[in-house]
Amino acid sequence: MNINKELDTRGLNCPLPILKAKKALADMDSGQLLKVVATDAGSVRDFQAFAKQTGNELVEQQTAGADFIHVLRRR
């Protein structure tokens, strides 16, 4: 996967990871990939809801230790 931008939101709680992702996606071109690394367990369902509401594609979600990794494709 060719990630275009990576965002580290570790230590931030809802809704900050979503707000930072929304801002980052606004500066990206259609089809580009954004990787968000978070430590908030609630971010898993938050990013699922965010993708449905905004039309951005949630390409992948995974857990790596204490990190939750979300990959979104800009619509």
C-alpha atoms as a PDB file:
ATOM      1  CA  MET A   1       0.000   0.000   0.000  1.00  0.00           C
ATOM      2  CA  ASN A   2       1.330   3.417  -0.952  1.00  0.00           C
ATOM      3  CA  ILE A   3       0.467   5.737   1.966  1.00  0.00           C
ATOM      4  CA  ASN A   4       0.445   9.398   0.920  1.00  0.00           C
ATOM      5  CA  LYS A   5       0.169  10.919   4.391  1.00  0.00           C
ATOM      6  CA  GLU A   6       0.529   9.594   7.936  1.00  0.00           C
ATOM      7  CA  LEU A   7      -1.026  11.080  11.046  1.00  0.00           C
ATOM      8  CA  ASP A   8       0.066  10.243  14.594  1.00  0.00           C
ATOM      9  CA  THR A   9      -2.836  10.832  16.992  1.00  0.00           C
ATOM     10  CA  ARG A  10      -1.492   8.644  19.823  1.00  0.00           C
ATOM     11  CA  GLY A  11      -2.566   9.938  23.229  1.00  0.00           C
ATOM     12  CA  LEU A  12      -5.505  11.893  21.823  1.00  0.00           C
ATOM     13  CA  ASN A  13      -9.079  10.959  22.680  1.00  0.00           C
ATOM     14  CA  CYS A  14     -12.262  11.228  20.646  1.00  0.00           C
ATOM     15  CA  PRO A  15     -13.056  13.372  18.716  1.00  0.00           C
ATOM     16  CA  LEU A  16      -9.514  14.672  18.087  1.00  0.00           C
ATOM     17  CA  PRO A  17      -8.253  11.778  15.883  1.00  0.00           C
ATOM     18  CA  ILE A  18     -11.329  12.190  13.624  1.00  0.00           C
ATOM     19  CA  LEU A  19     -10.983  15.981  13.465  1.00  0.00           C
ATOM     20  CA  LYS A  20      -7.287  15.752  12.568  1.00  0.00           C
ATOM     21  CA  ALA A  21      -8.045  13.104   9.924  1.00  0.00           C
ATOM     22  CA  LYS A  22     -10.806  15.268   8.451  1.00  0.00           C
ATOM     23  CA  LYS A  23      -8.410  18.242   8.196  1.00  0.00           C
ATOM     24  CA  ALA A  24      -5.666  16.081   6.628  1.00  0.00           C
ATOM     25  CA  LEU A  25      -8.069  14.561   4.068  1.00  0.00           C
ATOM     26  CA  ALA A  26      -9.218  18.048   3.025  1.00  0.00           C
ATOM     27  CA  ASP A  27      -5.637  18.792   1.867  1.00  0.00           C
ATOM     28  CA  MET A  28      -5.311  15.546  -0.102  1.00  0.00           C
ATOM     29  CA  ASP A  29      -6.234  14.596  -3.664  1.00  0.00           C
ATOM     30  CA  SER A  30      -8.952  12.097  -4.531  1.00  0.00           C
ATOM     31  CA  GLY A  31      -7.724   8.499  -4.276  1.00  0.00           C
ATOM     32  CA  GLN A  32      -4.802   9.268  -1.966  1.00  0.00           C
ATOM     33  CA  LEU A  33      -4.333   7.217   1.213  1.00  0.00           C
ATOM     34  CA  LEU A  34      -4.179   8.556   4.767  1.00  0.00           C
ATOM     35  CA  LYS A  35      -2.864   6.389   7.602  1.00  0.00           C
ATOM     36  CA  VAL A  36      -3.963   7.356  11.113  1.00  0.00           C
ATOM     37  CA  VAL A  37      -2.327   5.810  14.188  1.00  0.00           C
ATOM     38  CA  ALA A  38      -4.393   6.179  17.377  1.00  0.00           C
ATOM     39  CA  THR A  39      -4.384   4.786  20.913  1.00  0.00           C
ATOM     40  CA  ASP A  40      -8.070   5.474  21.626  1.00  0.00           C
ATOM     41  CA  ALA A  41      -9.956   2.148  21.448  1.00  0.00           C
ATOM     42  CA  GLY A  42     -13.100   4.074  20.481  1.00  0.00           C
ATOM     43  CA  SER A  43     -11.381   5.206  17.290  1.00  0.00           C
ATOM     44  CA  VAL A  44     -12.171   1.836  15.662  1.00  0.00           C
ATOM     45  CA  ARG A  45     -15.917   2.458  15.547  1.00  0.00           C
ATOM     46  CA  ASP A  46     -15.419   6.237  15.166  1.00  0.00           C
ATOM     47  CA  PHE A  47     -13.497   5.784  11.909  1.00  0.00           C
ATOM     48  CA  GLN A  48     -16.080   3.281  10.618  1.00  0.00           C
ATOM     49  CA  ALA A  49     -18.846   5.849  11.212  1.00  0.00           C
ATOM     50  CA  PHE A  50     -16.702   8.683   9.808  1.00  0.00           C
ATOM     51  CA  ALA A  51     -16.088   6.768   6.565  1.00  0.00           C
ATOM     52  CA  LYS A  52     -19.810   6.057   6.106  1.00  0.00           C
ATOM     53  CA  GLN A  53     -20.789   9.683   6.793  1.00  0.00           C
ATOM     54  CA  THR A  54     -18.160  11.302   4.570  1.00  0.00           C
ATOM     55  CA  GLY A  55     -17.954   8.850   1.672  1.00  0.00           C
ATOM     56  CA  ASN A  56     -14.230   8.280   2.209  1.00  0.00           C
ATOM     57  CA  GLU A  57     -13.290   4.599   1.976  1.00  0.00           C
ATOM     58  CA  LEU A  58     -11.994   2.835   5.089  1.00  0.00           C
ATOM     59  CA  VAL A  59      -9.426   0.615   3.386  1.00  0.00           C
ATOM     60  CA  GLU A  60      -8.003  -1.105   6.453  1.00  0.00           C
ATOM     61  CA  GLN A  61      -8.136  -1.220  10.242  1.00  0.00           C
ATOM     62  CA  GLN A  62      -5.694  -3.147  12.383  1.00  0.00           C
ATOM     63  CA  THR A  63      -4.377  -3.299  15.920  1.00  0.00           C
ATOM     64  CA  ALA A  64      -0.641  -3.324  16.594  1.00  0.00           C
ATOM     65  CA  GLY A  65       0.055  -3.543  20.310  1.00  0.00           C
ATOM     66  CA  ALA A  66      -1.566  -0.493  21.911  1.00  0.00           C
ATOM     67  CA  ASP A  67      -2.000   1.234  18.522  1.00  0.00           C
ATOM     68  CA  PHE A  68      -5.078   1.225  16.328  1.00  0.00           C
ATOM     69  CA  ILE A  69      -4.203   1.812  12.674  1.00  0.00           C
ATOM     70  CA  HIS A  70      -6.750   3.177  10.215  1.00  0.00           C
ATOM     71  CA  VAL A  71      -6.181   3.656   6.480  1.00  0.00           C
ATOM     72  CA  LEU A  72      -8.616   5.889   4.581  1.00  0.00           C
ATOM     73  CA  ARG A  73      -8.853   6.585   0.867  1.00  0.00           C
ATOM     74  CA  ARG A  74      -9.843  10.153  -0.004  1.00  0.00           C
ATOM     75  CA  ARG A  75     -13.077  10.229  -2.000  1.00  0.00           C
END
